[in-house]
Amino acid sequence: MTKKERALKAVMLLKQLYPDAVCSLEADNPLHLLIATRLSAQCTDKRVNVVTKDLFKKYKTAEDFAKADVDDVANIIRSCGLYKTKAKDIVTMCQQIIADFDGQVPDTIEKLTTLAGVGRKTANLIMGDVYHQPAVVCDTHLIRITNRIGLVSVKDPYKVEMELKKLLPPHESSDFCHRIVLFGRDVCKAQNPKCDQCLLNEICKNK
């Protein structure tokens, strides 16, 4: 089985297991999703969703965040970890969005990655979920699982992204990444994966 065939099979099987491919982060608009994604670095989505309830109740728009006191934002997001850096990035990125993009979340990878604290992982999530463009979100689940099943043999996020872009159908790539996250939490865990319950066994090079 070629890598391309393995990838297409993985897409099909995960679609059957998780027909509703949704982002675990809760957000009402593109800006809130961008901020929530920044907060998710080295933090669980579950914790981020708790924190953003209070954060987005107090600060709703890019203008609100741009004028916010960084220490106040930091205090609200403290439980997310790296809170001082994240708070500074959030305020700065909102100032950039107003100054450089007329208050709108940018719609290309290149523009998104000019924002404070925004790397390719965050930019791809926005491109896929907000702008419905082909996107590969390289989080730890995607890197771990695609290596395990033999789609890639590298750990560098950028290289994984580029390799998967060659293998995944563009219109399926964003949803595939969301499904991989769910699958990584439920079955293909970092420690003690449930290989006996795995529907990807038939295509897994690690079986």
C-alpha atoms as a PDB file:
ATOM      1  CA  MET A   1       0.000   0.000   0.000  1.00  0.00           C
ATOM      2  CA  THR A   2       1.434   3.380  -0.988  1.00  0.00           C
ATOM      3  CA  LYS A   3       1.418   6.366   1.362  1.00  0.00           C
ATOM      4  CA  LYS A   4      -1.228   7.999  -0.811  1.00  0.00           C
ATOM      5  CA  GLU A   5      -3.459   4.920  -0.566  1.00  0.00           C
ATOM      6  CA  ARG A   6      -2.875   4.711   3.182  1.00  0.00           C
ATOM      7  CA  ALA A   7      -3.782   8.372   3.588  1.00  0.00           C
ATOM      8  CA  LEU A   8      -7.014   8.033   1.600  1.00  0.00           C
ATOM      9  CA  LYS A   9      -7.983   4.989   3.638  1.00  0.00           C
ATOM     10  CA  ALA A  10      -7.278   6.822   6.895  1.00  0.00           C
ATOM     11  CA  VAL A  11      -9.429   9.743   5.733  1.00  0.00           C
ATOM     12  CA  MET A  12     -12.317   7.387   4.936  1.00  0.00           C
ATOM     13  CA  LEU A  13     -12.089   5.362   8.163  1.00  0.00           C
ATOM     14  CA  LEU A  14     -11.849   8.385  10.435  1.00  0.00           C
ATOM     15  CA  LYS A  15     -14.763  10.026   8.662  1.00  0.00           C
ATOM     16  CA  GLN A  16     -16.852   6.963   9.488  1.00  0.00           C
ATOM     17  CA  LEU A  17     -15.764   7.057  13.137  1.00  0.00           C
ATOM     18  CA  TYR A  18     -16.162  10.824  13.554  1.00  0.00           C
ATOM     19  CA  PRO A  19     -18.706  12.065  10.992  1.00  0.00           C
ATOM     20  CA  ASP A  20     -18.834  15.476  12.659  1.00  0.00           C
ATOM     21  CA  ALA A  21     -15.357  16.931  12.394  1.00  0.00           C
ATOM     22  CA  VAL A  22     -15.367  19.908  14.728  1.00  0.00           C
ATOM     23  CA  CYS A  23     -12.735  21.953  16.468  1.00  0.00           C
ATOM     24  CA  SER A  24     -12.550  21.302  20.208  1.00  0.00           C
ATOM     25  CA  LEU A  25     -12.079  24.982  20.937  1.00  0.00           C
ATOM     26  CA  GLU A  26     -15.261  26.954  21.547  1.00  0.00           C
ATOM     27  CA  ALA A  27     -15.464  30.328  19.812  1.00  0.00           C
ATOM     28  CA  ASP A  28     -18.233  32.530  18.420  1.00  0.00           C
ATOM     29  CA  ASN A  29     -16.224  34.334  15.757  1.00  0.00           C
ATOM     30  CA  PRO A  30     -12.868  34.293  13.911  1.00  0.00           C
ATOM     31  CA  LEU A  31     -11.123  36.589  16.401  1.00  0.00           C
ATOM     32  CA  HIS A  32     -12.171  34.497  19.381  1.00  0.00           C
ATOM     33  CA  LEU A  33     -11.015  31.318  17.625  1.00  0.00           C
ATOM     34  CA  LEU A  34      -7.660  32.948  16.895  1.00  0.00           C
ATOM     35  CA  ILE A  35      -7.242  33.931  20.543  1.00  0.00           C
ATOM     36  CA  ALA A  36      -8.402  30.555  21.834  1.00  0.00           C
ATOM     37  CA  THR A  37      -5.906  28.818  19.572  1.00  0.00           C
ATOM     38  CA  ARG A  38      -3.092  30.992  20.897  1.00  0.00           C
ATOM     39  CA  LEU A  39      -4.134  30.072  24.429  1.00  0.00           C
ATOM     40  CA  SER A  40      -4.128  26.352  23.594  1.00  0.00           C
ATOM     41  CA  ALA A  41      -0.331  26.190  23.284  1.00  0.00           C
ATOM     42  CA  GLN A  42       0.869  23.780  25.990  1.00  0.00           C
ATOM     43  CA  CYS A  43      -2.639  23.775  27.460  1.00  0.00           C
ATOM     44  CA  THR A  44      -5.665  21.534  27.028  1.00  0.00           C
ATOM     45  CA  ASP A  45      -8.594  22.683  24.914  1.00  0.00           C
ATOM     46  CA  LYS A  46     -10.851  21.876  27.870  1.00  0.00           C
ATOM     47  CA  ARG A  47      -9.004  24.352  30.084  1.00  0.00           C
ATOM     48  CA  VAL A  48      -8.983  26.988  27.327  1.00  0.00           C
ATOM     49  CA  ASN A  49     -12.753  26.696  26.944  1.00  0.00           C
ATOM     50  CA  VAL A  50     -13.178  27.371  30.656  1.00  0.00           C
ATOM     51  CA  VAL A  51     -10.888  30.391  30.601  1.00  0.00           C
ATOM     52  CA  THR A  52     -12.313  31.993  27.460  1.00  0.00           C
ATOM     53  CA  LYS A  53     -15.809  32.125  28.933  1.00  0.00           C
ATOM     54  CA  ASP A  54     -14.621  34.847  31.318  1.00  0.00           C
ATOM     55  CA  LEU A  55     -12.153  36.375  28.877  1.00  0.00           C
ATOM     56  CA  PHE A  56     -14.671  36.870  26.062  1.00  0.00           C
ATOM     57  CA  LYS A  57     -17.303  38.125  28.473  1.00  0.00           C
ATOM     58  CA  LYS A  58     -15.028  41.041  29.381  1.00  0.00           C
ATOM     59  CA  TYR A  59     -13.236  41.566  26.054  1.00  0.00           C
ATOM     60  CA  LYS A  60     -15.357  40.993  22.959  1.00  0.00           C
ATOM     61  CA  THR A  61     -13.792  42.788  20.003  1.00  0.00           C
ATOM     62  CA  ALA A  62     -10.337  43.454  18.605  1.00  0.00           C
ATOM     63  CA  GLU A  63     -10.716  47.030  19.830  1.00  0.00           C
ATOM     64  CA  ASP A  64     -11.463  45.787  23.361  1.00  0.00           C
ATOM     65  CA  PHE A  65      -8.337  43.618  23.412  1.00  0.00           C
ATOM     66  CA  ALA A  66      -6.168  46.273  21.764  1.00  0.00           C
ATOM     67  CA  LYS A  67      -6.970  48.680  24.607  1.00  0.00           C
ATOM     68  CA  ALA A  68      -6.801  46.045  27.344  1.00  0.00           C
ATOM     69  CA  ASP A  69      -4.353  46.091  30.201  1.00  0.00           C
ATOM     70  CA  VAL A  70      -1.966  43.202  29.579  1.00  0.00           C
ATOM     71  CA  ASP A  71      -1.792  42.374  33.290  1.00  0.00           C
ATOM     72  CA  ASP A  72      -5.573  42.089  33.482  1.00  0.00           C
ATOM     73  CA  VAL A  73      -5.677  39.729  30.501  1.00  0.00           C
ATOM     74  CA  ALA A  74      -2.825  37.740  32.055  1.00  0.00           C
ATOM     75  CA  ASN A  75      -4.721  37.407  35.318  1.00  0.00           C
ATOM     76  CA  ILE A  76      -7.810  36.028  33.532  1.00  0.00           C
ATOM     77  CA  ILE A  77      -5.821  33.468  31.519  1.00  0.00           C
ATOM     78  CA  ARG A  78      -3.372  32.558  34.298  1.00  0.00           C
ATOM     79  CA  SER A  79      -4.451  28.901  34.469  1.00  0.00           C
ATOM     80  CA  CYS A  80      -3.568  28.370  30.789  1.00  0.00           C
ATOM     81  CA  GLY A  81       0.155  28.521  31.472  1.00  0.00           C
ATOM     82  CA  LEU A  82       2.695  30.862  29.849  1.00  0.00           C
ATOM     83  CA  TYR A  83       0.056  33.452  30.654  1.00  0.00           C
ATOM     84  CA  LYS A  84       2.295  36.523  30.593  1.00  0.00           C
ATOM     85  CA  THR A  85       3.585  35.806  27.093  1.00  0.00           C
ATOM     86  CA  LYS A  86       0.146  34.819  25.830  1.00  0.00           C
ATOM     87  CA  ALA A  87      -1.477  37.957  27.264  1.00  0.00           C
ATOM     88  CA  LYS A  88       1.113  40.193  25.608  1.00  0.00           C
ATOM     89  CA  ASP A  89       0.669  38.356  22.297  1.00  0.00           C
ATOM     90  CA  ILE A  90      -3.127  38.621  22.420  1.00  0.00           C
ATOM     91  CA  VAL A  91      -3.110  42.378  23.027  1.00  0.00           C
ATOM     92  CA  THR A  92      -0.404  42.951  20.421  1.00  0.00           C
ATOM     93  CA  MET A  93      -2.071  40.774  17.766  1.00  0.00           C
ATOM     94  CA  CYS A  94      -5.323  42.680  18.176  1.00  0.00           C
ATOM     95  CA  GLN A  95      -3.484  45.972  17.807  1.00  0.00           C
ATOM     96  CA  GLN A  96      -1.933  44.591  14.603  1.00  0.00           C
ATOM     97  CA  ILE A  97      -5.304  43.399  13.303  1.00  0.00           C
ATOM     98  CA  ILE A  98      -6.701  46.913  13.708  1.00  0.00           C
ATOM     99  CA  ALA A  99      -3.644  48.706  12.326  1.00  0.00           C
ATOM    100  CA  ASP A 100      -2.770  46.369   9.464  1.00  0.00           C
ATOM    101  CA  PHE A 101      -5.947  44.503   8.538  1.00  0.00           C
ATOM    102  CA  ASP A 102      -8.838  46.922   9.124  1.00  0.00           C
ATOM    103  CA  GLY A 103      -9.977  45.020  12.191  1.00  0.00           C
ATOM    104  CA  GLN A 104     -10.488  41.729  10.328  1.00  0.00           C
ATOM    105  CA  VAL A 105      -8.691  38.451  10.988  1.00  0.00           C
ATOM    106  CA  PRO A 106      -6.351  37.965   7.978  1.00  0.00           C
ATOM    107  CA  ASP A 107      -7.246  35.355   5.361  1.00  0.00           C
ATOM    108  CA  THR A 108      -3.870  33.973   4.262  1.00  0.00           C
ATOM    109  CA  ILE A 109      -1.147  31.973   6.021  1.00  0.00           C
ATOM    110  CA  GLU A 110       1.374  34.656   5.151  1.00  0.00           C
ATOM    111  CA  LYS A 111      -0.654  37.467   6.695  1.00  0.00           C
ATOM    112  CA  LEU A 112      -1.732  35.475   9.736  1.00  0.00           C
ATOM    113  CA  THR A 113       1.839  34.571  10.622  1.00  0.00           C
ATOM    114  CA  THR A 114       2.764  38.263  10.824  1.00  0.00           C
ATOM    115  CA  LEU A 115       0.611  38.490  13.961  1.00  0.00           C
ATOM    116  CA  ALA A 116       2.208  38.223  17.401  1.00  0.00           C
ATOM    117  CA  GLY A 117       2.300  34.646  18.662  1.00  0.00           C
ATOM    118  CA  VAL A 118       0.761  33.152  15.508  1.00  0.00           C
ATOM    119  CA  GLY A 119       2.653  30.303  13.868  1.00  0.00           C
ATOM    120  CA  ARG A 120       1.681  27.967  11.048  1.00  0.00           C
ATOM    121  CA  LYS A 121      -0.349  25.665  13.321  1.00  0.00           C
ATOM    122  CA  THR A 122      -2.641  28.509  14.404  1.00  0.00           C
ATOM    123  CA  ALA A 123      -2.721  30.023  10.920  1.00  0.00           C
ATOM    124  CA  ASN A 124      -3.749  26.710   9.350  1.00  0.00           C
ATOM    125  CA  LEU A 125      -6.544  26.263  11.881  1.00  0.00           C
ATOM    126  CA  ILE A 126      -7.942  29.674  10.985  1.00  0.00           C
ATOM    127  CA  MET A 127      -7.602  28.997   7.254  1.00  0.00           C
ATOM    128  CA  GLY A 128      -9.473  25.699   7.571  1.00  0.00           C
ATOM    129  CA  ASP A 129     -12.171  26.564  10.099  1.00  0.00           C
ATOM    130  CA  VAL A 130     -12.836  30.204   9.237  1.00  0.00           C
ATOM    131  CA  TYR A 131     -12.008  30.498   5.558  1.00  0.00           C
ATOM    132  CA  HIS A 132     -12.679  26.864   4.562  1.00  0.00           C
ATOM    133  CA  GLN A 133      -9.417  26.525   2.693  1.00  0.00           C
ATOM    134  CA  PRO A 134      -7.199  23.411   2.545  1.00  0.00           C
ATOM    135  CA  ALA A 135      -5.214  23.319   5.777  1.00  0.00           C
ATOM    136  CA  VAL A 136      -3.009  20.949   7.754  1.00  0.00           C
ATOM    137  CA  VAL A 137      -2.918  21.718  11.483  1.00  0.00           C
ATOM    138  CA  CYS A 138       0.235  20.105  12.839  1.00  0.00           C
ATOM    139  CA  ASP A 139      -0.417  19.517  16.500  1.00  0.00           C
ATOM    140  CA  THR A 140       1.112  16.758  18.630  1.00  0.00           C
ATOM    141  CA  HIS A 141      -1.681  14.282  17.813  1.00  0.00           C
ATOM    142  CA  LEU A 142      -1.270  14.697  14.063  1.00  0.00           C
ATOM    143  CA  ILE A 143       2.510  14.373  14.195  1.00  0.00           C
ATOM    144  CA  ARG A 144       2.408  11.321  16.474  1.00  0.00           C
ATOM    145  CA  ILE A 145      -0.313   9.414  14.640  1.00  0.00           C
ATOM    146  CA  THR A 146       0.758  10.100  11.069  1.00  0.00           C
ATOM    147  CA  ASN A 147       4.227   8.865  12.027  1.00  0.00           C
ATOM    148  CA  ARG A 148       2.805   5.766  13.688  1.00  0.00           C
ATOM    149  CA  ILE A 149       0.651   4.713  10.773  1.00  0.00           C
ATOM    150  CA  GLY A 150       3.385   5.438   8.250  1.00  0.00           C
ATOM    151  CA  LEU A 151       2.168   8.521   6.414  1.00  0.00           C
ATOM    152  CA  VAL A 152       5.268  10.495   7.376  1.00  0.00           C
ATOM    153  CA  SER A 153       8.626   9.728   8.947  1.00  0.00           C
ATOM    154  CA  VAL A 154       9.555  13.166  10.273  1.00  0.00           C
ATOM    155  CA  LYS A 155       8.684  15.039  13.461  1.00  0.00           C
ATOM    156  CA  ASP A 156       9.299  18.636  12.371  1.00  0.00           C
ATOM    157  CA  PRO A 157       5.849  20.300  12.129  1.00  0.00           C
ATOM    158  CA  TYR A 158       6.590  22.172   8.905  1.00  0.00           C
ATOM    159  CA  LYS A 159       7.913  19.050   7.193  1.00  0.00           C
ATOM    160  CA  VAL A 160       4.917  17.034   8.386  1.00  0.00           C
ATOM    161  CA  GLU A 161       2.591  19.721   7.009  1.00  0.00           C
ATOM    162  CA  MET A 162       4.311  19.726   3.626  1.00  0.00           C
ATOM    163  CA  GLU A 163       4.333  15.918   3.386  1.00  0.00           C
ATOM    164  CA  LEU A 164       0.654  15.592   4.301  1.00  0.00           C
ATOM    165  CA  LYS A 165      -0.335  18.257   1.779  1.00  0.00           C
ATOM    166  CA  LYS A 166       0.965  15.884  -0.898  1.00  0.00           C
ATOM    167  CA  LEU A 167      -1.070  12.964   0.465  1.00  0.00           C
ATOM    168  CA  LEU A 168      -4.391  14.321   1.716  1.00  0.00           C
ATOM    169  CA  PRO A 169      -7.242  15.435  -0.555  1.00  0.00           C
ATOM    170  CA  PRO A 170      -7.245  19.251  -0.100  1.00  0.00           C
ATOM    171  CA  HIS A 171     -10.970  19.405   0.690  1.00  0.00           C
ATOM    172  CA  GLU A 172     -10.545  16.739   3.400  1.00  0.00           C
ATOM    173  CA  SER A 173      -7.352  17.957   5.044  1.00  0.00           C
ATOM    174  CA  SER A 174      -8.767  20.328   7.672  1.00  0.00           C
ATOM    175  CA  ASP A 175     -11.462  17.911   8.842  1.00  0.00           C
ATOM    176  CA  PHE A 176      -8.927  15.067   8.871  1.00  0.00           C
ATOM    177  CA  CYS A 177      -6.819  17.030  11.359  1.00  0.00           C
ATOM    178  CA  HIS A 178      -9.805  17.551  13.675  1.00  0.00           C
ATOM    179  CA  ARG A 179     -10.642  13.854  13.477  1.00  0.00           C
ATOM    180  CA  ILE A 180      -7.050  12.895  14.248  1.00  0.00           C
ATOM    181  CA  VAL A 181      -7.213  14.948  17.455  1.00  0.00           C
ATOM    182  CA  LEU A 182     -10.355  13.110  18.581  1.00  0.00           C
ATOM    183  CA  PHE A 183      -8.832   9.776  17.591  1.00  0.00           C
ATOM    184  CA  GLY A 184      -5.624  10.599  19.467  1.00  0.00           C
ATOM    185  CA  ARG A 185      -7.551  11.345  22.637  1.00  0.00           C
ATOM    186  CA  ASP A 186      -9.806   8.299  22.405  1.00  0.00           C
ATOM    187  CA  VAL A 187      -7.655   5.547  20.904  1.00  0.00           C
ATOM    188  CA  CYS A 188      -4.166   6.313  19.584  1.00  0.00           C
ATOM    189  CA  LYS A 189      -2.874   7.832  22.800  1.00  0.00           C
ATOM    190  CA  ALA A 190       0.716   8.875  23.320  1.00  0.00           C
ATOM    191  CA  GLN A 191       1.071   6.315  26.106  1.00  0.00           C
ATOM    192  CA  ASN A 192      -0.674   2.945  25.995  1.00  0.00           C
ATOM    193  CA  PRO A 193      -2.500   3.284  22.661  1.00  0.00           C
ATOM    194  CA  LYS A 194      -5.564   1.057  22.358  1.00  0.00           C
ATOM    195  CA  CYS A 195      -4.285  -0.881  19.349  1.00  0.00           C
ATOM    196  CA  ASP A 196      -6.793  -3.705  19.916  1.00  0.00           C
ATOM    197  CA  GLN A 197      -9.628  -1.183  19.430  1.00  0.00           C
ATOM    198  CA  CYS A 198      -8.056   0.711  16.528  1.00  0.00           C
ATOM    199  CA  LEU A 199      -9.919   0.924  13.238  1.00  0.00           C
ATOM    200  CA  LEU A 200      -6.679   2.013  11.529  1.00  0.00           C
ATOM    201  CA  ASN A 201      -5.005  -1.319  12.308  1.00  0.00           C
ATOM    202  CA  GLU A 202      -5.361  -2.481   8.722  1.00  0.00           C
ATOM    203  CA  ILE A 203      -3.224   0.370   7.428  1.00  0.00           C
ATOM    204  CA  CYS A 204      -0.926   0.964  10.407  1.00  0.00           C
ATOM    205  CA  LYS A 205       2.759   0.288   9.884  1.00  0.00           C
ATOM    206  CA  ASN A 206       3.201   0.085  13.644  1.00  0.00           C
ATOM    207  CA  LYS A 207       0.806  -2.822  14.202  1.00  0.00           C
END
